Amino acid sequence: SADGARILRDFPGKVMLINGNCDVPRLGE
């Protein structure tokens, strides 16, 4: 949900975000 964008913002440069089947928008790989 919105957690991915928040983690990316709060911990720049150390996050790998993978898309799940419920993720819209798809922010990761």
mmCIF file of all heavy atoms, coordinates in Angstrom:
data_MODEL
# 
_entry.id   MODEL 
# 
loop_
_atom_site.group_PDB 
_atom_site.id 
_atom_site.type_symbol 
_atom_site.label_atom_id 
_atom_site.label_alt_id 
_atom_site.label_comp_id 
_atom_site.label_asym_id 
_atom_site.label_entity_id 
_atom_site.label_seq_id 
_atom_site.pdbx_PDB_ins_code 
_atom_site.Cartn_x 
_atom_site.Cartn_y 
_atom_site.Cartn_z 
_atom_site.occupancy 
_atom_site.B_iso_or_equiv 
_atom_site.pdbx_formal_charge 
_atom_site.auth_seq_id 
_atom_site.auth_comp_id 
_atom_site.auth_asym_id 
_atom_site.auth_atom_id 
_atom_site.pdbx_PDB_model_num 
ATOM 1   N N   . SER A 1 1  ? 0.866  -1.171  0.000   1.00 0.00 ? 1  SER A N   1 
ATOM 2   C CA  . SER A 1 1  ? 0.000  0.000   0.000   1.00 0.00 ? 1  SER A CA  1 
ATOM 3   C C   . SER A 1 1  ? 0.903  1.222   0.000   1.00 0.00 ? 1  SER A C   1 
ATOM 4   O O   . SER A 1 1  ? 1.840  1.283   -0.777  1.00 0.00 ? 1  SER A O   1 
ATOM 5   C CB  . SER A 1 1  ? -0.969 -0.029  1.178   1.00 0.00 ? 1  SER A CB  1 
ATOM 6   O OG  . SER A 1 1  ? -1.822 -1.144  1.082   1.00 0.00 ? 1  SER A OG  1 
ATOM 7   N N   . ALA A 1 2  ? 0.691  2.160   0.886   1.00 0.00 ? 2  ALA A N   1 
ATOM 8   C CA  . ALA A 1 2  ? 1.520  3.375   0.921   1.00 0.00 ? 2  ALA A CA  1 
ATOM 9   C C   . ALA A 1 2  ? 2.814  3.168   1.700   1.00 0.00 ? 2  ALA A C   1 
ATOM 10  O O   . ALA A 1 2  ? 3.676  4.039   1.711   1.00 0.00 ? 2  ALA A O   1 
ATOM 11  C CB  . ALA A 1 2  ? 0.720  4.519   1.533   1.00 0.00 ? 2  ALA A CB  1 
ATOM 12  N N   . ASP A 1 3  ? 2.962  2.023   2.345   1.00 0.00 ? 3  ASP A N   1 
ATOM 13  C CA  . ASP A 1 3  ? 4.153  1.781   3.172   1.00 0.00 ? 3  ASP A CA  1 
ATOM 14  C C   . ASP A 1 3  ? 5.443  1.825   2.362   1.00 0.00 ? 3  ASP A C   1 
ATOM 15  O O   . ASP A 1 3  ? 6.460  2.320   2.842   1.00 0.00 ? 3  ASP A O   1 
ATOM 16  C CB  . ASP A 1 3  ? 4.082  0.403   3.845   1.00 0.00 ? 3  ASP A CB  1 
ATOM 17  C CG  . ASP A 1 3  ? 2.803  0.200   4.608   1.00 0.00 ? 3  ASP A CG  1 
ATOM 18  O OD1 . ASP A 1 3  ? 2.252  1.184   5.109   1.00 0.00 ? 3  ASP A OD1 1 
ATOM 19  O OD2 . ASP A 1 3  ? 2.352  -0.952  4.677   1.00 0.00 ? 3  ASP A OD2 1 
ATOM 20  N N   . GLY A 1 4  ? 5.417  1.308   1.149   1.00 0.00 ? 4  GLY A N   1 
ATOM 21  C CA  . GLY A 1 4  ? 6.619  1.251   0.334   1.00 0.00 ? 4  GLY A CA  1 
ATOM 22  C C   . GLY A 1 4  ? 7.186  2.623   0.042   1.00 0.00 ? 4  GLY A C   1 
ATOM 23  O O   . GLY A 1 4  ? 8.384  2.859   0.195   1.00 0.00 ? 4  GLY A O   1 
ATOM 24  N N   . ALA A 1 5  ? 6.331  3.553   -0.363  1.00 0.00 ? 5  ALA A N   1 
ATOM 25  C CA  . ALA A 1 5  ? 6.789  4.920   -0.659  1.00 0.00 ? 5  ALA A CA  1 
ATOM 26  C C   . ALA A 1 5  ? 7.356  5.579   0.590   1.00 0.00 ? 5  ALA A C   1 
ATOM 27  O O   . ALA A 1 5  ? 8.356  6.288   0.527   1.00 0.00 ? 5  ALA A O   1 
ATOM 28  C CB  . ALA A 1 5  ? 5.644  5.743   -1.235  1.00 0.00 ? 5  ALA A CB  1 
ATOM 29  N N   . ARG A 1 6  ? 6.732  5.342   1.710   1.00 0.00 ? 6  ARG A N   1 
ATOM 30  C CA  . ARG A 1 6  ? 7.203  5.951   2.964   1.00 0.00 ? 6  ARG A CA  1 
ATOM 31  C C   . ARG A 1 6  ? 8.575  5.397   3.368   1.00 0.00 ? 6  ARG A C   1 
ATOM 32  O O   . ARG A 1 6  ? 9.453  6.142   3.780   1.00 0.00 ? 6  ARG A O   1 
ATOM 33  C CB  . ARG A 1 6  ? 6.184  5.693   4.065   1.00 0.00 ? 6  ARG A CB  1 
ATOM 34  C CG  . ARG A 1 6  ? 6.586  6.310   5.370   1.00 0.00 ? 6  ARG A CG  1 
ATOM 35  C CD  . ARG A 1 6  ? 5.509  6.109   6.442   1.00 0.00 ? 6  ARG A CD  1 
ATOM 36  N NE  . ARG A 1 6  ? 5.474  7.328   7.197   1.00 0.00 ? 6  ARG A NE  1 
ATOM 37  C CZ  . ARG A 1 6  ? 4.441  8.135   7.299   1.00 0.00 ? 6  ARG A CZ  1 
ATOM 38  N NH1 . ARG A 1 6  ? 3.323  7.841   6.711   1.00 0.00 ? 6  ARG A NH1 1 
ATOM 39  N NH2 . ARG A 1 6  ? 4.514  9.226   8.009   1.00 0.00 ? 6  ARG A NH2 1 
ATOM 40  N N   . ILE A 1 7  ? 8.778  4.095   3.255   1.00 0.00 ? 7  ILE A N   1 
ATOM 41  C CA  . ILE A 1 7  ? 10.070 3.495   3.600   1.00 0.00 ? 7  ILE A CA  1 
ATOM 42  C C   . ILE A 1 7  ? 11.156 3.993   2.645   1.00 0.00 ? 7  ILE A C   1 
ATOM 43  O O   . ILE A 1 7  ? 12.261 4.319   3.073   1.00 0.00 ? 7  ILE A O   1 
ATOM 44  C CB  . ILE A 1 7  ? 9.981  1.956   3.608   1.00 0.00 ? 7  ILE A CB  1 
ATOM 45  C CG1 . ILE A 1 7  ? 9.035  1.473   4.703   1.00 0.00 ? 7  ILE A CG1 1 
ATOM 46  C CG2 . ILE A 1 7  ? 11.360 1.333   3.815   1.00 0.00 ? 7  ILE A CG2 1 
ATOM 47  C CD1 . ILE A 1 7  ? 8.649  0.008   4.592   1.00 0.00 ? 7  ILE A CD1 1 
ATOM 48  N N   . LEU A 1 8  ? 10.828 4.073   1.351   1.00 0.00 ? 8  LEU A N   1 
ATOM 49  C CA  . LEU A 1 8  ? 11.779 4.608   0.378   1.00 0.00 ? 8  LEU A CA  1 
ATOM 50  C C   . LEU A 1 8  ? 12.195 6.032   0.745   1.00 0.00 ? 8  LEU A C   1 
ATOM 51  O O   . LEU A 1 8  ? 13.370 6.389   0.662   1.00 0.00 ? 8  LEU A O   1 
ATOM 52  C CB  . LEU A 1 8  ? 11.170 4.603   -1.027  1.00 0.00 ? 8  LEU A CB  1 
ATOM 53  C CG  . LEU A 1 8  ? 11.149 3.286   -1.777  1.00 0.00 ? 8  LEU A CG  1 
ATOM 54  C CD1 . LEU A 1 8  ? 10.281 3.398   -3.025  1.00 0.00 ? 8  LEU A CD1 1 
ATOM 55  C CD2 . LEU A 1 8  ? 12.545 2.844   -2.158  1.00 0.00 ? 8  LEU A CD2 1 
ATOM 56  N N   . ARG A 1 9  ? 11.229 6.833   1.154   1.00 0.00 ? 9  ARG A N   1 
ATOM 57  C CA  . ARG A 1 9  ? 11.508 8.224   1.525   1.00 0.00 ? 9  ARG A CA  1 
ATOM 58  C C   . ARG A 1 9  ? 12.331 8.320   2.807   1.00 0.00 ? 9  ARG A C   1 
ATOM 59  O O   . ARG A 1 9  ? 13.271 9.092   2.908   1.00 0.00 ? 9  ARG A O   1 
ATOM 60  C CB  . ARG A 1 9  ? 10.189 8.992   1.707   1.00 0.00 ? 9  ARG A CB  1 
ATOM 61  C CG  . ARG A 1 9  ? 10.394 10.477  2.038   1.00 0.00 ? 9  ARG A CG  1 
ATOM 62  C CD  . ARG A 1 9  ? 9.170  11.123  2.613   1.00 0.00 ? 9  ARG A CD  1 
ATOM 63  N NE  . ARG A 1 9  ? 8.992  10.620  3.984   1.00 0.00 ? 9  ARG A NE  1 
ATOM 64  C CZ  . ARG A 1 9  ? 7.822  10.510  4.584   1.00 0.00 ? 9  ARG A CZ  1 
ATOM 65  N NH1 . ARG A 1 9  ? 6.710  10.837  3.967   1.00 0.00 ? 9  ARG A NH1 1 
ATOM 66  N NH2 . ARG A 1 9  ? 7.743  10.056  5.816   1.00 0.00 ? 9  ARG A NH2 1 
ATOM 67  N N   . ASP A 1 10 ? 11.983 7.507   3.803   1.00 0.00 ? 10 ASP A N   1 
ATOM 68  C CA  . ASP A 1 10 ? 12.622 7.609   5.116   1.00 0.00 ? 10 ASP A CA  1 
ATOM 69  C C   . ASP A 1 10 ? 13.999 6.949   5.183   1.00 0.00 ? 10 ASP A C   1 
ATOM 70  O O   . ASP A 1 10 ? 14.805 7.287   6.052   1.00 0.00 ? 10 ASP A O   1 
ATOM 71  C CB  . ASP A 1 10 ? 11.712 7.014   6.194   1.00 0.00 ? 10 ASP A CB  1 
ATOM 72  C CG  . ASP A 1 10 ? 10.438 7.832   6.394   1.00 0.00 ? 10 ASP A CG  1 
ATOM 73  O OD1 . ASP A 1 10 ? 10.372 8.983   5.913   1.00 0.00 ? 10 ASP A OD1 1 
ATOM 74  O OD2 . ASP A 1 10 ? 9.500  7.318   7.031   1.00 0.00 ? 10 ASP A OD2 1 
ATOM 75  N N   . PHE A 1 11 ? 14.279 6.015   4.282   1.00 0.00 ? 11 PHE A N   1 
ATOM 76  C CA  . PHE A 1 11 ? 15.572 5.302   4.272   1.00 0.00 ? 11 PHE A CA  1 
ATOM 77  C C   . PHE A 1 11 ? 16.153 5.266   2.866   1.00 0.00 ? 11 PHE A C   1 
ATOM 78  O O   . PHE A 1 11 ? 16.362 4.190   2.293   1.00 0.00 ? 11 PHE A O   1 
ATOM 79  C CB  . PHE A 1 11 ? 15.406 3.893   4.858   1.00 0.00 ? 11 PHE A CB  1 
ATOM 80  C CG  . PHE A 1 11 ? 14.942 3.904   6.274   1.00 0.00 ? 11 PHE A CG  1 
ATOM 81  C CD1 . PHE A 1 11 ? 13.583 3.813   6.582   1.00 0.00 ? 11 PHE A CD1 1 
ATOM 82  C CD2 . PHE A 1 11 ? 15.848 4.070   7.308   1.00 0.00 ? 11 PHE A CD2 1 
ATOM 83  C CE1 . PHE A 1 11 ? 13.150 3.859   7.898   1.00 0.00 ? 11 PHE A CE1 1 
ATOM 84  C CE2 . PHE A 1 11 ? 15.413 4.119   8.633   1.00 0.00 ? 11 PHE A CE2 1 
ATOM 85  C CZ  . PHE A 1 11 ? 14.065 4.020   8.924   1.00 0.00 ? 11 PHE A CZ  1 
ATOM 86  N N   . PRO A 1 12 ? 16.448 6.427   2.301   1.00 0.00 ? 12 PRO A N   1 
ATOM 87  C CA  . PRO A 1 12 ? 16.930 6.476   0.920   1.00 0.00 ? 12 PRO A CA  1 
ATOM 88  C C   . PRO A 1 12 ? 18.254 5.725   0.749   1.00 0.00 ? 12 PRO A C   1 
ATOM 89  O O   . PRO A 1 12 ? 19.107 5.745   1.620   1.00 0.00 ? 12 PRO A O   1 
ATOM 90  C CB  . PRO A 1 12 ? 17.112 7.976   0.653   1.00 0.00 ? 12 PRO A CB  1 
ATOM 91  C CG  . PRO A 1 12 ? 17.250 8.598   1.996   1.00 0.00 ? 12 PRO A CG  1 
ATOM 92  C CD  . PRO A 1 12 ? 16.453 7.738   2.944   1.00 0.00 ? 12 PRO A CD  1 
ATOM 93  N N   . GLY A 1 13 ? 18.343 5.035   -0.381  1.00 0.00 ? 13 GLY A N   1 
ATOM 94  C CA  . GLY A 1 13 ? 19.583 4.350   -0.718  1.00 0.00 ? 13 GLY A CA  1 
ATOM 95  C C   . GLY A 1 13 ? 19.773 2.988   -0.089  1.00 0.00 ? 13 GLY A C   1 
ATOM 96  O O   . GLY A 1 13 ? 20.769 2.326   -0.353  1.00 0.00 ? 13 GLY A O   1 
ATOM 97  N N   . LYS A 1 14 ? 18.823 2.545   0.747   1.00 0.00 ? 14 LYS A N   1 
ATOM 98  C CA  . LYS A 1 14 ? 19.006 1.216   1.356   1.00 0.00 ? 14 LYS A CA  1 
ATOM 99  C C   . LYS A 1 14 ? 17.749 0.359   1.324   1.00 0.00 ? 14 LYS A C   1 
ATOM 100 O O   . LYS A 1 14 ? 17.597 -0.555  2.118   1.00 0.00 ? 14 LYS A O   1 
ATOM 101 C CB  . LYS A 1 14 ? 19.573 1.340   2.770   1.00 0.00 ? 14 LYS A CB  1 
ATOM 102 C CG  . LYS A 1 14 ? 18.681 1.992   3.795   1.00 0.00 ? 14 LYS A CG  1 
ATOM 103 C CD  . LYS A 1 14 ? 19.438 2.265   5.087   1.00 0.00 ? 14 LYS A CD  1 
ATOM 104 C CE  . LYS A 1 14 ? 19.282 1.260   6.148   1.00 0.00 ? 14 LYS A CE  1 
ATOM 105 N NZ  . LYS A 1 14 ? 19.960 1.577   7.401   1.00 0.00 ? 14 LYS A NZ  1 
ATOM 106 N N   . VAL A 1 15 ? 16.863 0.652   0.361   1.00 0.00 ? 15 VAL A N   1 
ATOM 107 C CA  . VAL A 1 15 ? 15.596 -0.077  0.276   1.00 0.00 ? 15 VAL A CA  1 
ATOM 108 C C   . VAL A 1 15 ? 15.476 -0.758  -1.083  1.00 0.00 ? 15 VAL A C   1 
ATOM 109 O O   . VAL A 1 15 ? 15.715 -0.146  -2.122  1.00 0.00 ? 15 VAL A O   1 
ATOM 110 C CB  . VAL A 1 15 ? 14.395 0.871   0.472   1.00 0.00 ? 15 VAL A CB  1 
ATOM 111 C CG1 . VAL A 1 15 ? 13.078 0.109   0.326   1.00 0.00 ? 15 VAL A CG1 1 
ATOM 112 C CG2 . VAL A 1 15 ? 14.465 1.568   1.820   1.00 0.00 ? 15 VAL A CG2 1 
ATOM 113 N N   . MET A 1 16 ? 15.108 -2.038  -1.044  1.00 0.00 ? 16 MET A N   1 
ATOM 114 C CA  . MET A 1 16 ? 14.743 -2.777  -2.256  1.00 0.00 ? 16 MET A CA  1 
ATOM 115 C C   . MET A 1 16 ? 13.251 -3.062  -2.128  1.00 0.00 ? 16 MET A C   1 
ATOM 116 O O   . MET A 1 16 ? 12.825 -3.721  -1.182  1.00 0.00 ? 16 MET A O   1 
ATOM 117 C CB  . MET A 1 16 ? 15.518 -4.092  -2.366  1.00 0.00 ? 16 MET A CB  1 
ATOM 118 C CG  . MET A 1 16 ? 15.128 -4.920  -3.582  1.00 0.00 ? 16 MET A CG  1 
ATOM 119 S SD  . MET A 1 16 ? 15.900 -6.554  -3.597  1.00 0.00 ? 16 MET A SD  1 
ATOM 120 C CE  . MET A 1 16 ? 17.605 -6.096  -3.768  1.00 0.00 ? 16 MET A CE  1 
ATOM 121 N N   . LEU A 1 17 ? 12.491 -2.536  -3.071  1.00 0.00 ? 17 LEU A N   1 
ATOM 122 C CA  . LEU A 1 17 ? 11.043 -2.672  -3.028  1.00 0.00 ? 17 LEU A CA  1 
ATOM 123 C C   . LEU A 1 17 ? 10.586 -3.577  -4.162  1.00 0.00 ? 17 LEU A C   1 
ATOM 124 O O   . LEU A 1 17 ? 10.905 -3.345  -5.325  1.00 0.00 ? 17 LEU A O   1 
ATOM 125 C CB  . LEU A 1 17 ? 10.408 -1.286  -3.162  1.00 0.00 ? 17 LEU A CB  1 
ATOM 126 C CG  . LEU A 1 17 ? 8.936  -1.153  -2.885  1.00 0.00 ? 17 LEU A CG  1 
ATOM 127 C CD1 . LEU A 1 17 ? 8.607  -1.550  -1.456  1.00 0.00 ? 17 LEU A CD1 1 
ATOM 128 C CD2 . LEU A 1 17 ? 8.498  0.285   -3.134  1.00 0.00 ? 17 LEU A CD2 1 
ATOM 129 N N   . ILE A 1 18 ? 9.868  -4.632  -3.795  1.00 0.00 ? 18 ILE A N   1 
ATOM 130 C CA  . ILE A 1 18 ? 9.332  -5.599  -4.751  1.00 0.00 ? 18 ILE A CA  1 
ATOM 131 C C   . ILE A 1 18 ? 7.824  -5.394  -4.844  1.00 0.00 ? 18 ILE A C   1 
ATOM 132 O O   . ILE A 1 18 ? 7.158  -5.191  -3.823  1.00 0.00 ? 18 ILE A O   1 
ATOM 133 C CB  . ILE A 1 18 ? 9.646  -7.044  -4.294  1.00 0.00 ? 18 ILE A CB  1 
ATOM 134 C CG1 . ILE A 1 18 ? 11.154 -7.256  -4.106  1.00 0.00 ? 18 ILE A CG1 1 
ATOM 135 C CG2 . ILE A 1 18 ? 9.043  -8.068  -5.248  1.00 0.00 ? 18 ILE A CG2 1 
ATOM 136 C CD1 . ILE A 1 18 ? 11.980 -7.099  -5.360  1.00 0.00 ? 18 ILE A CD1 1 
ATOM 137 N N   . ASN A 1 19 ? 7.278  -5.456  -6.041  1.00 0.00 ? 19 ASN A N   1 
ATOM 138 C CA  . ASN A 1 19 ? 5.837  -5.315  -6.233  1.00 0.00 ? 19 ASN A CA  1 
ATOM 139 C C   . ASN A 1 19 ? 5.110  -6.582  -5.810  1.00 0.00 ? 19 ASN A C   1 
ATOM 140 O O   . ASN A 1 19 ? 5.563  -7.682  -6.108  1.00 0.00 ? 19 ASN A O   1 
ATOM 141 C CB  . ASN A 1 19 ? 5.510  -5.035  -7.703  1.00 0.00 ? 19 ASN A CB  1 
ATOM 142 C CG  . ASN A 1 19 ? 6.062  -3.718  -8.177  1.00 0.00 ? 19 ASN A CG  1 
ATOM 143 O OD1 . ASN A 1 19 ? 6.031  -2.729  -7.459  1.00 0.00 ? 19 ASN A OD1 1 
ATOM 144 N ND2 . ASN A 1 19 ? 6.576  -3.703  -9.393  1.00 0.00 ? 19 ASN A ND2 1 
ATOM 145 N N   . GLY A 1 20 ? 3.979  -6.413  -5.162  1.00 0.00 ? 20 GLY A N   1 
ATOM 146 C CA  . GLY A 1 20 ? 3.093  -7.519  -4.834  1.00 0.00 ? 20 GLY A CA  1 
ATOM 147 C C   . GLY A 1 20 ? 1.852  -7.481  -5.706  1.00 0.00 ? 20 GLY A C   1 
ATOM 148 O O   . GLY A 1 20 ? 1.635  -6.523  -6.447  1.00 0.00 ? 20 GLY A O   1 
ATOM 149 N N   . ASN A 1 21 ? 1.037  -8.495  -5.610  1.00 0.00 ? 21 ASN A N   1 
ATOM 150 C CA  . ASN A 1 21 ? -0.164 -8.562  -6.434  1.00 0.00 ? 21 ASN A CA  1 
ATOM 151 C C   . ASN A 1 21 ? -1.189 -7.484  -6.082  1.00 0.00 ? 21 ASN A C   1 
ATOM 152 O O   . ASN A 1 21 ? -2.048 -7.165  -6.893  1.00 0.00 ? 21 ASN A O   1 
ATOM 153 C CB  . ASN A 1 21 ? -0.799 -9.958  -6.360  1.00 0.00 ? 21 ASN A CB  1 
ATOM 154 C CG  . ASN A 1 21 ? -1.183 -10.351 -4.947  1.00 0.00 ? 21 ASN A CG  1 
ATOM 155 O OD1 . ASN A 1 21 ? -0.324 -10.411 -4.068  1.00 0.00 ? 21 ASN A OD1 1 
ATOM 156 N ND2 . ASN A 1 21 ? -2.443 -10.637 -4.717  1.00 0.00 ? 21 ASN A ND2 1 
ATOM 157 N N   . CYS A 1 22 ? -1.099 -6.878  -4.914  1.00 0.00 ? 22 CYS A N   1 
ATOM 158 C CA  . CYS A 1 22 ? -2.035 -5.824  -4.501  1.00 0.00 ? 22 CYS A CA  1 
ATOM 159 C C   . CYS A 1 22 ? -1.460 -4.419  -4.672  1.00 0.00 ? 22 CYS A C   1 
ATOM 160 O O   . CYS A 1 22 ? -2.118 -3.450  -4.296  1.00 0.00 ? 22 CYS A O   1 
ATOM 161 C CB  . CYS A 1 22 ? -2.442 -6.023  -3.038  1.00 0.00 ? 22 CYS A CB  1 
ATOM 162 S SG  . CYS A 1 22 ? -3.386 -7.528  -2.742  1.00 0.00 ? 22 CYS A SG  1 
ATOM 163 N N   . ASP A 1 23 ? -0.258 -4.291  -5.189  1.00 0.00 ? 23 ASP A N   1 
ATOM 164 C CA  . ASP A 1 23 ? 0.396  -2.983  -5.254  1.00 0.00 ? 23 ASP A CA  1 
ATOM 165 C C   . ASP A 1 23 ? -0.014 -2.170  -6.480  1.00 0.00 ? 23 ASP A C   1 
ATOM 166 O O   . ASP A 1 23 ? 0.244  -2.543  -7.611  1.00 0.00 ? 23 ASP A O   1 
ATOM 167 C CB  . ASP A 1 23 ? 1.919  -3.145  -5.250  1.00 0.00 ? 23 ASP A CB  1 
ATOM 168 C CG  . ASP A 1 23 ? 2.440  -3.524  -3.895  1.00 0.00 ? 23 ASP A CG  1 
ATOM 169 O OD1 . ASP A 1 23 ? 1.853  -3.086  -2.891  1.00 0.00 ? 23 ASP A OD1 1 
ATOM 170 O OD2 . ASP A 1 23 ? 3.432  -4.271  -3.827  1.00 0.00 ? 23 ASP A OD2 1 
ATOM 171 N N   . VAL A 1 24 ? -0.671 -1.052  -6.207  1.00 0.00 ? 24 VAL A N   1 
ATOM 172 C CA  . VAL A 1 24 ? -1.000 -0.052  -7.217  1.00 0.00 ? 24 VAL A CA  1 
ATOM 173 C C   . VAL A 1 24 ? -0.832 1.293   -6.531  1.00 0.00 ? 24 VAL A C   1 
ATOM 174 O O   . VAL A 1 24 ? -1.487 1.531   -5.514  1.00 0.00 ? 24 VAL A O   1 
ATOM 175 C CB  . VAL A 1 24 ? -2.445 -0.209  -7.735  1.00 0.00 ? 24 VAL A CB  1 
ATOM 176 C CG1 . VAL A 1 24 ? -2.776 0.883   -8.729  1.00 0.00 ? 24 VAL A CG1 1 
ATOM 177 C CG2 . VAL A 1 24 ? -2.654 -1.579  -8.348  1.00 0.00 ? 24 VAL A CG2 1 
ATOM 178 N N   . PRO A 1 25 ? 0.062  2.148   -6.969  1.00 0.00 ? 25 PRO A N   1 
ATOM 179 C CA  . PRO A 1 25 ? 0.926  1.975   -8.123  1.00 0.00 ? 25 PRO A CA  1 
ATOM 180 C C   . PRO A 1 25 ? 2.076  1.013   -7.815  1.00 0.00 ? 25 PRO A C   1 
ATOM 181 O O   . PRO A 1 25 ? 2.392  0.757   -6.655  1.00 0.00 ? 25 PRO A O   1 
ATOM 182 C CB  . PRO A 1 25 ? 1.469  3.386   -8.369  1.00 0.00 ? 25 PRO A CB  1 
ATOM 183 C CG  . PRO A 1 25 ? 1.487  4.018   -7.017  1.00 0.00 ? 25 PRO A CG  1 
ATOM 184 C CD  . PRO A 1 25 ? 0.306  3.428   -6.289  1.00 0.00 ? 25 PRO A CD  1 
ATOM 185 N N   . ARG A 1 26 ? 2.714  0.552   -8.864  1.00 0.00 ? 26 ARG A N   1 
ATOM 186 C CA  . ARG A 1 26 ? 3.822  -0.383  -8.725  1.00 0.00 ? 26 ARG A CA  1 
ATOM 187 C C   . ARG A 1 26 ? 5.114  0.434   -8.646  1.00 0.00 ? 26 ARG A C   1 
ATOM 188 O O   . ARG A 1 26 ? 5.608  0.920   -9.645  1.00 0.00 ? 26 ARG A O   1 
ATOM 189 C CB  . ARG A 1 26 ? 3.810  -1.360  -9.890  1.00 0.00 ? 26 ARG A CB  1 
ATOM 190 C CG  . ARG A 1 26 ? 2.503  -2.177  -9.872  1.00 0.00 ? 26 ARG A CG  1 
ATOM 191 C CD  . ARG A 1 26 ? 2.354  -3.100  -11.039 1.00 0.00 ? 26 ARG A CD  1 
ATOM 192 N NE  . ARG A 1 26 ? 3.049  -4.356  -10.909 1.00 0.00 ? 26 ARG A NE  1 
ATOM 193 C CZ  . ARG A 1 26 ? 2.726  -5.354  -10.090 1.00 0.00 ? 26 ARG A CZ  1 
ATOM 194 N NH1 . ARG A 1 26 ? 1.713  -5.211  -9.274  1.00 0.00 ? 26 ARG A NH1 1 
ATOM 195 N NH2 . ARG A 1 26 ? 3.416  -6.458  -10.067 1.00 0.00 ? 26 ARG A NH2 1 
ATOM 196 N N   . LEU A 1 27 ? 5.646  0.554   -7.440  1.00 0.00 ? 27 LEU A N   1 
ATOM 197 C CA  . LEU A 1 27 ? 6.814  1.403   -7.185  1.00 0.00 ? 27 LEU A CA  1 
ATOM 198 C C   . LEU A 1 27 ? 8.138  0.660   -7.306  1.00 0.00 ? 27 LEU A C   1 
ATOM 199 O O   . LEU A 1 27 ? 9.184  1.286   -7.400  1.00 0.00 ? 27 LEU A O   1 
ATOM 200 C CB  . LEU A 1 27 ? 6.726  1.997   -5.769  1.00 0.00 ? 27 LEU A CB  1 
ATOM 201 C CG  . LEU A 1 27 ? 5.504  2.860   -5.472  1.00 0.00 ? 27 LEU A CG  1 
ATOM 202 C CD1 . LEU A 1 27 ? 5.487  3.249   -4.000  1.00 0.00 ? 27 LEU A CD1 1 
ATOM 203 C CD2 . LEU A 1 27 ? 5.500  4.081   -6.358  1.00 0.00 ? 27 LEU A CD2 1 
ATOM 204 N N   . GLY A 1 28 ? 8.101  -0.653  -7.259  1.00 0.00 ? 28 GLY A N   1 
ATOM 205 C CA  . GLY A 1 28 ? 9.338  -1.429  -7.239  1.00 0.00 ? 28 GLY A CA  1 
ATOM 206 C C   . GLY A 1 28 ? 9.503  -2.293  -8.467  1.00 0.00 ? 28 GLY A C   1 
ATOM 207 O O   . GLY A 1 28 ? 8.923  -2.043  -9.520  1.00 0.00 ? 28 GLY A O   1 
ATOM 208 N N   . GLU A 1 29 ? 10.296 -3.330  -8.294  1.00 0.00 ? 29 GLU A N   1 
ATOM 209 C CA  . GLU A 1 29 ? 10.541 -4.320  -9.341  1.00 0.00 ? 29 GLU A CA  1 
ATOM 210 C C   . GLU A 1 29 ? 9.622  -5.515  -9.110  1.00 0.00 ? 29 GLU A C   1 
ATOM 211 O O   . GLU A 1 29 ? 9.208  -5.773  -7.979  1.00 0.00 ? 29 GLU A O   1 
ATOM 212 C CB  . GLU A 1 29 ? 12.001 -4.791  -9.287  1.00 0.00 ? 29 GLU A CB  1 
ATOM 213 C CG  . GLU A 1 29 ? 13.016 -3.678  -9.433  1.00 0.00 ? 29 GLU A CG  1 
ATOM 214 C CD  . GLU A 1 29 ? 12.964 -3.014  -10.794 1.00 0.00 ? 29 GLU A CD  1 
ATOM 215 O OE1 . GLU A 1 29 ? 12.738 -3.721  -11.800 1.00 0.00 ? 29 GLU A OE1 1 
ATOM 216 O OE2 . GLU A 1 29 ? 13.131 -1.789  -10.851 1.00 0.00 ? 29 GLU A OE2 1 
# 
